């Protein structure tokens, strides 16, 4: 993922924070189709990255909207950060 100023700290924590800033900035004011296009090149990444793809809350994984966009579709589980407005959730 393209990053900003190469002079910035690139330790793992700062790099994650910088990546999330780039993702969040890119996600503002674009359509779902554009978000999916942006996430598609990262769909085949091996493994999940803590604080980018998920966070842990009380021992539970909470997947980010970025993770869901990389998946490419709604799973129908009613996920908290679903960017698809939970299209497939049965009521």
C-alpha atoms as a PDB file:
ATOM      1  CA  UNK A   1       0.000   0.000   0.000  1.00  0.00           C
ATOM      2  CA  UNK A   2       1.462   3.388  -0.915  1.00  0.00           C
ATOM      3  CA  UNK A   3       2.578   5.275   2.155  1.00  0.00           C
ATOM      4  CA  UNK A   4       3.291   8.905   2.888  1.00  0.00           C
ATOM      5  CA  UNK A   5       6.553  10.536   3.812  1.00  0.00           C
ATOM      6  CA  UNK A   6       9.446   8.016   3.954  1.00  0.00           C
ATOM      7  CA  UNK A   7      10.859  10.068   6.823  1.00  0.00           C
ATOM      8  CA  UNK A   8       7.998   8.909   9.080  1.00  0.00           C
ATOM      9  CA  UNK A   9       8.673   6.200  11.643  1.00  0.00           C
ATOM     10  CA  UNK A  10       8.145   2.743  10.142  1.00  0.00           C
ATOM     11  CA  UNK A  11       8.170   0.654  13.335  1.00  0.00           C
ATOM     12  CA  UNK A  12       5.342  -1.942  13.324  1.00  0.00           C
ATOM     13  CA  UNK A  13       2.998   0.146  15.487  1.00  0.00           C
ATOM     14  CA  UNK A  14       3.516   3.364  13.525  1.00  0.00           C
ATOM     15  CA  UNK A  15       3.302   1.537  10.206  1.00  0.00           C
ATOM     16  CA  UNK A  16      -0.065   0.004  11.174  1.00  0.00           C
ATOM     17  CA  UNK A  17      -1.351   3.388  12.304  1.00  0.00           C
ATOM     18  CA  UNK A  18      -0.155   4.997   9.051  1.00  0.00           C
ATOM     19  CA  UNK A  19      -1.733   2.242   6.935  1.00  0.00           C
ATOM     20  CA  UNK A  20      -5.070   2.667   8.713  1.00  0.00           C
ATOM     21  CA  UNK A  21      -4.910   6.427   8.149  1.00  0.00           C
ATOM     22  CA  UNK A  22      -4.337   5.842   4.424  1.00  0.00           C
ATOM     23  CA  UNK A  23      -7.208   3.331   4.287  1.00  0.00           C
ATOM     24  CA  UNK A  24      -9.601   5.560   6.238  1.00  0.00           C
ATOM     25  CA  UNK A  25      -8.702   8.604   4.127  1.00  0.00           C
ATOM     26  CA  UNK A  26      -9.237   6.636   0.918  1.00  0.00           C
ATOM     27  CA  UNK A  27     -12.608   5.305   2.138  1.00  0.00           C
ATOM     28  CA  UNK A  28     -14.138   8.723   2.718  1.00  0.00           C
ATOM     29  CA  UNK A  29     -16.816   9.802   0.288  1.00  0.00           C
ATOM     30  CA  UNK A  30     -16.481   6.955  -2.212  1.00  0.00           C
ATOM     31  CA  UNK A  31     -19.097   4.432  -3.249  1.00  0.00           C
ATOM     32  CA  UNK A  32     -19.162   0.825  -2.116  1.00  0.00           C
ATOM     33  CA  UNK A  33     -18.125  -0.235  -5.631  1.00  0.00           C
ATOM     34  CA  UNK A  34     -15.077   2.040  -5.435  1.00  0.00           C
ATOM     35  CA  UNK A  35     -14.197   0.673  -1.979  1.00  0.00           C
ATOM     36  CA  UNK A  36     -14.368  -2.881  -3.306  1.00  0.00           C
ATOM     37  CA  UNK A  37     -12.110  -1.932  -6.214  1.00  0.00           C
ATOM     38  CA  UNK A  38      -9.632  -0.373  -3.776  1.00  0.00           C
ATOM     39  CA  UNK A  39      -9.614  -3.462  -1.518  1.00  0.00           C
ATOM     40  CA  UNK A  40      -9.533  -6.107  -4.268  1.00  0.00           C
ATOM     41  CA  UNK A  41      -5.727  -6.131  -4.797  1.00  0.00           C
ATOM     42  CA  UNK A  42      -5.291  -7.037  -1.117  1.00  0.00           C
ATOM     43  CA  UNK A  43      -7.850  -9.870  -1.032  1.00  0.00           C
ATOM     44  CA  UNK A  44      -5.286 -12.643  -1.493  1.00  0.00           C
ATOM     45  CA  UNK A  45      -2.982 -11.575   1.326  1.00  0.00           C
ATOM     46  CA  UNK A  46      -1.911 -14.414   3.573  1.00  0.00           C
ATOM     47  CA  UNK A  47      -2.905 -14.027   7.184  1.00  0.00           C
ATOM     48  CA  UNK A  48      -4.688 -11.297   9.068  1.00  0.00           C
ATOM     49  CA  UNK A  49      -3.010  -8.223  10.481  1.00  0.00           C
ATOM     50  CA  UNK A  50      -4.045  -7.177  13.984  1.00  0.00           C
ATOM     51  CA  UNK A  51      -5.254  -3.549  14.150  1.00  0.00           C
ATOM     52  CA  UNK A  52      -5.786  -3.503  10.374  1.00  0.00           C
ATOM     53  CA  UNK A  53      -7.972  -6.529   9.647  1.00  0.00           C
ATOM     54  CA  UNK A  54      -9.236  -7.042  13.178  1.00  0.00           C
ATOM     55  CA  UNK A  55      -9.037  -5.974  16.806  1.00  0.00           C
ATOM     56  CA  UNK A  56      -9.494  -8.087  19.907  1.00  0.00           C
ATOM     57  CA  UNK A  57     -12.228  -7.196  22.383  1.00  0.00           C
ATOM     58  CA  UNK A  58     -12.628  -9.367  25.464  1.00  0.00           C
ATOM     59  CA  UNK A  59     -10.902 -12.206  23.614  1.00  0.00           C
ATOM     60  CA  UNK A  60     -13.194 -11.922  20.590  1.00  0.00           C
ATOM     61  CA  UNK A  61     -12.131 -10.979  17.058  1.00  0.00           C
ATOM     62  CA  UNK A  62     -13.837  -7.876  15.699  1.00  0.00           C
ATOM     63  CA  UNK A  63     -13.208  -7.663  11.969  1.00  0.00           C
ATOM     64  CA  UNK A  64     -12.710  -4.250  10.398  1.00  0.00           C
ATOM     65  CA  UNK A  65     -14.644  -2.835   7.466  1.00  0.00           C
ATOM     66  CA  UNK A  66     -11.369  -3.143   5.507  1.00  0.00           C
ATOM     67  CA  UNK A  67     -11.295  -6.897   6.182  1.00  0.00           C
ATOM     68  CA  UNK A  68     -14.892  -7.242   5.012  1.00  0.00           C
ATOM     69  CA  UNK A  69     -14.169  -5.258   1.859  1.00  0.00           C
ATOM     70  CA  UNK A  70     -11.239  -7.550   1.095  1.00  0.00           C
ATOM     71  CA  UNK A  71     -13.631 -10.532   1.479  1.00  0.00           C
ATOM     72  CA  UNK A  72     -15.739  -8.993  -1.289  1.00  0.00           C
ATOM     73  CA  UNK A  73     -19.229  -9.716   0.028  1.00  0.00           C
ATOM     74  CA  UNK A  74     -21.456  -9.730   3.095  1.00  0.00           C
ATOM     75  CA  UNK A  75     -21.348 -12.990   5.085  1.00  0.00           C
ATOM     76  CA  UNK A  76     -24.766 -12.421   6.641  1.00  0.00           C
ATOM     77  CA  UNK A  77     -23.567 -12.714  10.227  1.00  0.00           C
ATOM     78  CA  UNK A  78     -24.529  -9.189  11.289  1.00  0.00           C
ATOM     79  CA  UNK A  79     -20.923  -8.068  11.769  1.00  0.00           C
ATOM     80  CA  UNK A  80     -20.418  -4.776  13.602  1.00  0.00           C
ATOM     81  CA  UNK A  81     -18.237  -3.204  10.908  1.00  0.00           C
ATOM     82  CA  UNK A  82     -20.069  -4.558   7.868  1.00  0.00           C
ATOM     83  CA  UNK A  83     -19.605  -2.082   4.987  1.00  0.00           C
ATOM     84  CA  UNK A  84     -22.422  -3.764   3.019  1.00  0.00           C
ATOM     85  CA  UNK A  85     -25.209  -2.588   5.337  1.00  0.00           C
ATOM     86  CA  UNK A  86     -25.544  -6.259   6.298  1.00  0.00           C
ATOM     87  CA  UNK A  87     -27.258  -7.148   3.018  1.00  0.00           C
ATOM     88  CA  UNK A  88     -27.598 -10.867   3.727  1.00  0.00           C
ATOM     89  CA  UNK A  89     -28.735 -10.825   7.365  1.00  0.00           C
ATOM     90  CA  UNK A  90     -32.017 -12.630   7.986  1.00  0.00           C
ATOM     91  CA  UNK A  91     -34.337 -10.646  10.206  1.00  0.00           C
END
